[in-house]
Amino acid sequence: MKRLLLPLLLASSAVFAQDAVPTVRICDSSGCSDRPRDSATFQPEATDPVAEQRLLQLTEIARDDPRAAYDLGLRYFRGDGVPKDSYLAIKWMREAGERGVVPAQLALGRFYLMGLEEMGPDPAEAESWLSMAAAKGNKEAQKLLPQARAAKKDEKREAQHKTWYGGWNGAYPYYGYWGPNGWKYR
């Protein structure tokens, strides 16, 4: 019996070890997925000199014109003429939003309210951007603002719950304890 059990245990542990391949979350042009850490992800694409020149020109214009910054952020968000890049989309949208472009403020409010790809939601940041757009009369921002405020309250409630639970889990002492002769009070 022992002779049969040992090979069975070794075989099952080998199968388990194969299932426990370390993975990493990768987001690229094919979407976001968990992949083995040793997978190859760099796939150089043929460069288009005309597209690169256009991107350089738009980037230069975006430094001075907030509408161009919004356009550049939107292109990075959509992957339209540029590689899709959520970090650069937010960077350029913030650049435009900080300079008063209402559609950029609305877009940022939505990004932060819903979360964007690998970035989770941030209701406080969403409320801030949606408030700016709503103050300038944007109807969609006015509709989304209550959702951001509710999400912010839920986030605070969750943080309070963790604090409360943590306090009961370790900060409050017992009145008594088990001693060598049984239960004792302090």
C-alpha atoms as a PDB file:
ATOM      1  CA  MET A   1       0.000   0.000   0.000  1.00  0.00           C
ATOM      2  CA  LYS A   2       2.811   2.410   0.937  1.00  0.00           C
ATOM      3  CA  ARG A   3       4.574   1.651  -2.339  1.00  0.00           C
ATOM      4  CA  LEU A   4       1.504   2.748  -4.297  1.00  0.00           C
ATOM      5  CA  LEU A   5       0.839   5.822  -2.201  1.00  0.00           C
ATOM      6  CA  LEU A   6       4.298   7.408  -2.572  1.00  0.00           C
ATOM      7  CA  PRO A   7       4.334   7.501  -6.412  1.00  0.00           C
ATOM      8  CA  LEU A   8       0.760   8.811  -6.390  1.00  0.00           C
ATOM      9  CA  LEU A   9       1.715  11.646  -4.018  1.00  0.00           C
ATOM     10  CA  LEU A  10       4.792  12.521  -6.078  1.00  0.00           C
ATOM     11  CA  ALA A  11       2.778  12.582  -9.306  1.00  0.00           C
ATOM     12  CA  SER A  12       0.052  14.766  -7.804  1.00  0.00           C
ATOM     13  CA  SER A  13       2.603  17.222  -6.364  1.00  0.00           C
ATOM     14  CA  ALA A  14       4.272  17.494  -9.787  1.00  0.00           C
ATOM     15  CA  VAL A  15       0.914  18.295 -11.381  1.00  0.00           C
ATOM     16  CA  PHE A  16       0.205  20.879  -8.663  1.00  0.00           C
ATOM     17  CA  ALA A  17       3.631  22.483  -9.177  1.00  0.00           C
ATOM     18  CA  GLN A  18       2.908  22.833 -12.893  1.00  0.00           C
ATOM     19  CA  ASP A  19      -0.391  24.593 -12.126  1.00  0.00           C
ATOM     20  CA  ALA A  20       1.362  27.084  -9.837  1.00  0.00           C
ATOM     21  CA  VAL A  21       3.301  28.850 -12.614  1.00  0.00           C
ATOM     22  CA  PRO A  22       3.978  32.447 -11.525  1.00  0.00           C
ATOM     23  CA  THR A  23       2.048  34.909 -13.659  1.00  0.00           C
ATOM     24  CA  VAL A  24       2.034  38.639 -14.245  1.00  0.00           C
ATOM     25  CA  ARG A  25      -0.802  40.893 -15.504  1.00  0.00           C
ATOM     26  CA  ILE A  26       0.100  42.296 -18.926  1.00  0.00           C
ATOM     27  CA  CYS A  27      -1.915  44.837 -20.889  1.00  0.00           C
ATOM     28  CA  ASP A  28      -1.074  45.303 -24.540  1.00  0.00           C
ATOM     29  CA  SER A  29      -2.786  45.629 -27.918  1.00  0.00           C
ATOM     30  CA  SER A  30      -4.505  42.268 -27.403  1.00  0.00           C
ATOM     31  CA  GLY A  31      -6.017  43.371 -24.065  1.00  0.00           C
ATOM     32  CA  CYS A  32      -5.213  42.605 -20.424  1.00  0.00           C
ATOM     33  CA  SER A  33      -4.548  39.067 -19.212  1.00  0.00           C
ATOM     34  CA  ASP A  34      -2.525  37.036 -16.712  1.00  0.00           C
ATOM     35  CA  ARG A  35       0.426  35.436 -18.494  1.00  0.00           C
ATOM     36  CA  PRO A  36       3.407  33.343 -17.378  1.00  0.00           C
ATOM     37  CA  ARG A  37       6.282  35.513 -16.165  1.00  0.00           C
ATOM     38  CA  ASP A  38       8.609  34.032 -18.771  1.00  0.00           C
ATOM     39  CA  SER A  39       6.395  34.841 -21.764  1.00  0.00           C
ATOM     40  CA  ALA A  40       7.730  37.104 -24.478  1.00  0.00           C
ATOM     41  CA  THR A  41       5.678  40.273 -24.871  1.00  0.00           C
ATOM     42  CA  PHE A  42       7.810  42.627 -26.907  1.00  0.00           C
ATOM     43  CA  GLN A  43       6.678  42.539 -30.494  1.00  0.00           C
ATOM     44  CA  PRO A  44       8.301  45.311 -32.484  1.00  0.00           C
ATOM     45  CA  GLU A  45       6.082  46.662 -35.209  1.00  0.00           C
ATOM     46  CA  ALA A  46       7.120  48.332 -38.391  1.00  0.00           C
ATOM     47  CA  THR A  47       7.353  52.058 -37.783  1.00  0.00           C
ATOM     48  CA  ASP A  48       5.501  54.495 -39.993  1.00  0.00           C
ATOM     49  CA  PRO A  49       7.629  57.637 -40.376  1.00  0.00           C
ATOM     50  CA  VAL A  50       4.597  59.720 -41.419  1.00  0.00           C
ATOM     51  CA  ALA A  51       2.614  58.617 -38.343  1.00  0.00           C
ATOM     52  CA  GLU A  52       5.626  59.290 -36.098  1.00  0.00           C
ATOM     53  CA  GLN A  53       6.001  62.785 -37.579  1.00  0.00           C
ATOM     54  CA  ARG A  54       2.289  63.488 -37.037  1.00  0.00           C
ATOM     55  CA  LEU A  55       2.543  62.311 -33.418  1.00  0.00           C
ATOM     56  CA  LEU A  56       5.552  64.565 -32.815  1.00  0.00           C
ATOM     57  CA  GLN A  57       3.714  67.523 -34.321  1.00  0.00           C
ATOM     58  CA  LEU A  58       0.552  66.884 -32.298  1.00  0.00           C
ATOM     59  CA  THR A  59       2.629  66.496 -29.119  1.00  0.00           C
ATOM     60  CA  GLU A  60       4.309  69.857 -29.767  1.00  0.00           C
ATOM     61  CA  ILE A  61       0.957  71.536 -30.430  1.00  0.00           C
ATOM     62  CA  ALA A  62      -0.537  69.879 -27.317  1.00  0.00           C
ATOM     63  CA  ARG A  63       2.061  71.555 -25.113  1.00  0.00           C
ATOM     64  CA  ASP A  64       0.559  74.952 -26.024  1.00  0.00           C
ATOM     65  CA  ASP A  65      -3.053  74.190 -26.982  1.00  0.00           C
ATOM     66  CA  PRO A  66      -5.225  72.352 -24.427  1.00  0.00           C
ATOM     67  CA  ARG A  67      -7.627  71.207 -27.169  1.00  0.00           C
ATOM     68  CA  ALA A  68      -4.744  69.384 -28.853  1.00  0.00           C
ATOM     69  CA  ALA A  69      -3.829  67.852 -25.476  1.00  0.00           C
ATOM     70  CA  TYR A  70      -7.408  66.542 -25.247  1.00  0.00           C
ATOM     71  CA  ASP A  71      -7.187  65.146 -28.792  1.00  0.00           C
ATOM     72  CA  LEU A  72      -3.876  63.471 -27.996  1.00  0.00           C
ATOM     73  CA  GLY A  73      -5.284  61.938 -24.805  1.00  0.00           C
ATOM     74  CA  LEU A  74      -8.305  60.656 -26.704  1.00  0.00           C
ATOM     75  CA  ARG A  75      -6.066  59.146 -29.398  1.00  0.00           C
ATOM     76  CA  TYR A  76      -3.997  57.331 -26.751  1.00  0.00           C
ATOM     77  CA  PHE A  77      -7.187  56.097 -25.105  1.00  0.00           C
ATOM     78  CA  ARG A  78      -8.588  54.751 -28.381  1.00  0.00           C
ATOM     79  CA  GLY A  79      -5.280  53.690 -29.966  1.00  0.00           C
ATOM     80  CA  ASP A  80      -6.127  55.897 -32.949  1.00  0.00           C
ATOM     81  CA  GLY A  81      -2.934  56.533 -34.932  1.00  0.00           C
ATOM     82  CA  VAL A  82      -0.832  55.852 -31.819  1.00  0.00           C
ATOM     83  CA  PRO A  83      -0.323  52.786 -29.639  1.00  0.00           C
ATOM     84  CA  LYS A  84      -3.113  52.425 -27.074  1.00  0.00           C
ATOM     85  CA  ASP A  85      -1.712  53.673 -23.739  1.00  0.00           C
ATOM     86  CA  SER A  86      -3.921  54.414 -20.730  1.00  0.00           C
ATOM     87  CA  TYR A  87      -1.118  56.166 -18.835  1.00  0.00           C
ATOM     88  CA  LEU A  88      -0.512  58.664 -21.659  1.00  0.00           C
ATOM     89  CA  ALA A  89      -4.267  59.030 -22.204  1.00  0.00           C
ATOM     90  CA  ILE A  90      -4.690  60.181 -18.605  1.00  0.00           C
ATOM     91  CA  LYS A  91      -1.552  62.331 -18.717  1.00  0.00           C
ATOM     92  CA  TRP A  92      -2.766  64.324 -21.715  1.00  0.00           C
ATOM     93  CA  MET A  93      -6.388  64.433 -20.535  1.00  0.00           C
ATOM     94  CA  ARG A  94      -5.202  65.880 -17.214  1.00  0.00           C
ATOM     95  CA  GLU A  95      -3.122  68.418 -19.099  1.00  0.00           C
ATOM     96  CA  ALA A  96      -6.235  69.504 -21.010  1.00  0.00           C
ATOM     97  CA  GLY A  97      -8.577  69.287 -18.014  1.00  0.00           C
ATOM     98  CA  GLU A  98      -6.321  71.423 -15.835  1.00  0.00           C
ATOM     99  CA  ARG A  99      -6.425  74.076 -18.557  1.00  0.00           C
ATOM    100  CA  GLY A 100     -10.237  74.091 -18.621  1.00  0.00           C
ATOM    101  CA  VAL A 101     -11.244  71.749 -21.469  1.00  0.00           C
ATOM    102  CA  VAL A 102     -14.649  70.506 -20.309  1.00  0.00           C
ATOM    103  CA  PRO A 103     -14.740  67.261 -22.379  1.00  0.00           C
ATOM    104  CA  ALA A 104     -11.358  66.340 -20.838  1.00  0.00           C
ATOM    105  CA  GLN A 105     -12.731  66.998 -17.344  1.00  0.00           C
ATOM    106  CA  LEU A 106     -15.736  64.798 -18.117  1.00  0.00           C
ATOM    107  CA  ALA A 107     -13.516  62.047 -19.566  1.00  0.00           C
ATOM    108  CA  LEU A 108     -11.283  62.126 -16.476  1.00  0.00           C
ATOM    109  CA  GLY A 109     -14.330  61.990 -14.236  1.00  0.00           C
ATOM    110  CA  ARG A 110     -15.525  58.880 -16.085  1.00  0.00           C
ATOM    111  CA  PHE A 111     -12.040  57.279 -16.067  1.00  0.00           C
ATOM    112  CA  TYR A 112     -11.716  57.746 -12.312  1.00  0.00           C
ATOM    113  CA  LEU A 113     -15.310  56.777 -11.572  1.00  0.00           C
ATOM    114  CA  MET A 114     -15.257  53.503 -13.510  1.00  0.00           C
ATOM    115  CA  GLY A 115     -11.550  52.702 -13.450  1.00  0.00           C
ATOM    116  CA  LEU A 116      -9.443  52.367 -16.551  1.00  0.00           C
ATOM    117  CA  GLU A 117      -7.878  49.032 -17.548  1.00  0.00           C
ATOM    118  CA  GLU A 118      -5.259  48.320 -14.886  1.00  0.00           C
ATOM    119  CA  MET A 119      -6.232  51.359 -12.789  1.00  0.00           C
ATOM    120  CA  GLY A 120      -9.035  50.888 -10.290  1.00  0.00           C
ATOM    121  CA  PRO A 121     -11.687  53.504  -9.573  1.00  0.00           C
ATOM    122  CA  ASP A 122     -10.924  56.604  -7.502  1.00  0.00           C
ATOM    123  CA  PRO A 123     -14.268  58.183  -6.489  1.00  0.00           C
ATOM    124  CA  ALA A 124     -12.699  61.254  -4.840  1.00  0.00           C
ATOM    125  CA  GLU A 125     -10.739  62.096  -7.981  1.00  0.00           C
ATOM    126  CA  ALA A 126     -13.837  61.403 -10.096  1.00  0.00           C
ATOM    127  CA  GLU A 127     -15.883  63.799  -7.969  1.00  0.00           C
ATOM    128  CA  SER A 128     -13.248  66.502  -8.373  1.00  0.00           C
ATOM    129  CA  TRP A 129     -13.168  66.311 -12.187  1.00  0.00           C
ATOM    130  CA  LEU A 130     -16.922  65.883 -12.565  1.00  0.00           C
ATOM    131  CA  SER A 131     -17.511  68.887 -10.293  1.00  0.00           C
ATOM    132  CA  MET A 132     -15.349  71.039 -12.582  1.00  0.00           C
ATOM    133  CA  ALA A 133     -17.243  69.936 -15.689  1.00  0.00           C
ATOM    134  CA  ALA A 134     -20.657  70.210 -13.979  1.00  0.00           C
ATOM    135  CA  ALA A 135     -19.862  73.747 -12.813  1.00  0.00           C
ATOM    136  CA  LYS A 136     -19.363  74.683 -16.463  1.00  0.00           C
ATOM    137  CA  GLY A 137     -22.822  73.330 -17.327  1.00  0.00           C
ATOM    138  CA  ASN A 138     -21.953  69.872 -18.657  1.00  0.00           C
ATOM    139  CA  LYS A 139     -25.167  67.838 -18.315  1.00  0.00           C
ATOM    140  CA  GLU A 140     -23.497  64.420 -18.360  1.00  0.00           C
ATOM    141  CA  ALA A 141     -21.125  65.457 -15.561  1.00  0.00           C
ATOM    142  CA  GLN A 142     -24.108  66.721 -13.556  1.00  0.00           C
ATOM    143  CA  LYS A 143     -25.739  63.278 -13.909  1.00  0.00           C
ATOM    144  CA  LEU A 144     -22.554  61.376 -12.954  1.00  0.00           C
ATOM    145  CA  LEU A 145     -21.634  63.564  -9.979  1.00  0.00           C
ATOM    146  CA  PRO A 146     -24.114  61.909  -7.556  1.00  0.00           C
ATOM    147  CA  GLN A 147     -22.683  58.490  -8.516  1.00  0.00           C
ATOM    148  CA  ALA A 148     -19.161  59.706  -7.702  1.00  0.00           C
ATOM    149  CA  ARG A 149     -20.304  61.106  -4.347  1.00  0.00           C
ATOM    150  CA  ALA A 150     -22.098  57.867  -3.473  1.00  0.00           C
ATOM    151  CA  ALA A 151     -19.032  55.818  -4.449  1.00  0.00           C
ATOM    152  CA  LYS A 152     -16.862  58.111  -2.328  1.00  0.00           C
ATOM    153  CA  LYS A 153     -19.138  57.541   0.700  1.00  0.00           C
ATOM    154  CA  ASP A 154     -19.018  53.787   0.115  1.00  0.00           C
ATOM    155  CA  GLU A 155     -15.221  53.956  -0.044  1.00  0.00           C
ATOM    156  CA  LYS A 156     -15.108  55.871   3.271  1.00  0.00           C
ATOM    157  CA  ARG A 157     -17.525  53.404   4.831  1.00  0.00           C
ATOM    158  CA  GLU A 158     -15.328  50.519   3.742  1.00  0.00           C
ATOM    159  CA  ALA A 159     -12.246  52.215   5.229  1.00  0.00           C
ATOM    160  CA  GLN A 160     -14.142  52.825   8.488  1.00  0.00           C
ATOM    161  CA  HIS A 161     -15.212  49.189   8.537  1.00  0.00           C
ATOM    162  CA  LYS A 162     -11.604  48.054   8.230  1.00  0.00           C
ATOM    163  CA  THR A 163     -10.556  50.385  11.070  1.00  0.00           C
ATOM    164  CA  TRP A 164     -13.444  49.260  13.266  1.00  0.00           C
ATOM    165  CA  TYR A 165     -12.831  45.593  12.560  1.00  0.00           C
ATOM    166  CA  GLY A 166      -9.093  45.986  13.155  1.00  0.00           C
ATOM    167  CA  GLY A 167      -9.777  47.594  16.542  1.00  0.00           C
ATOM    168  CA  TRP A 168     -11.935  44.725  17.694  1.00  0.00           C
ATOM    169  CA  ASN A 169      -9.471  42.270  16.259  1.00  0.00           C
ATOM    170  CA  GLY A 170      -6.518  43.382  18.349  1.00  0.00           C
ATOM    171  CA  ALA A 171      -6.680  46.770  20.047  1.00  0.00           C
ATOM    172  CA  TYR A 172      -9.253  45.939  22.752  1.00  0.00           C
ATOM    173  CA  PRO A 173      -7.938  43.832  25.646  1.00  0.00           C
ATOM    174  CA  TYR A 174      -9.713  40.982  27.422  1.00  0.00           C
ATOM    175  CA  TYR A 175     -10.749  41.366  31.060  1.00  0.00           C
ATOM    176  CA  GLY A 176      -9.457  37.944  31.944  1.00  0.00           C
ATOM    177  CA  TYR A 177      -7.038  35.291  30.828  1.00  0.00           C
ATOM    178  CA  TRP A 178      -6.336  31.600  31.271  1.00  0.00           C
ATOM    179  CA  GLY A 179      -3.790  31.010  33.973  1.00  0.00           C
ATOM    180  CA  PRO A 180      -2.234  27.771  35.215  1.00  0.00           C
ATOM    181  CA  ASN A 181      -5.117  27.373  37.652  1.00  0.00           C
ATOM    182  CA  GLY A 182      -7.956  28.356  35.283  1.00  0.00           C
ATOM    183  CA  TRP A 183      -9.641  31.591  34.317  1.00  0.00           C
ATOM    184  CA  LYS A 184      -8.545  34.798  36.084  1.00  0.00           C
ATOM    185  CA  TYR A 185      -9.615  38.429  35.896  1.00  0.00           C
ATOM    186  CA  ARG A 186      -7.108  41.250  36.007  1.00  0.00           C
END
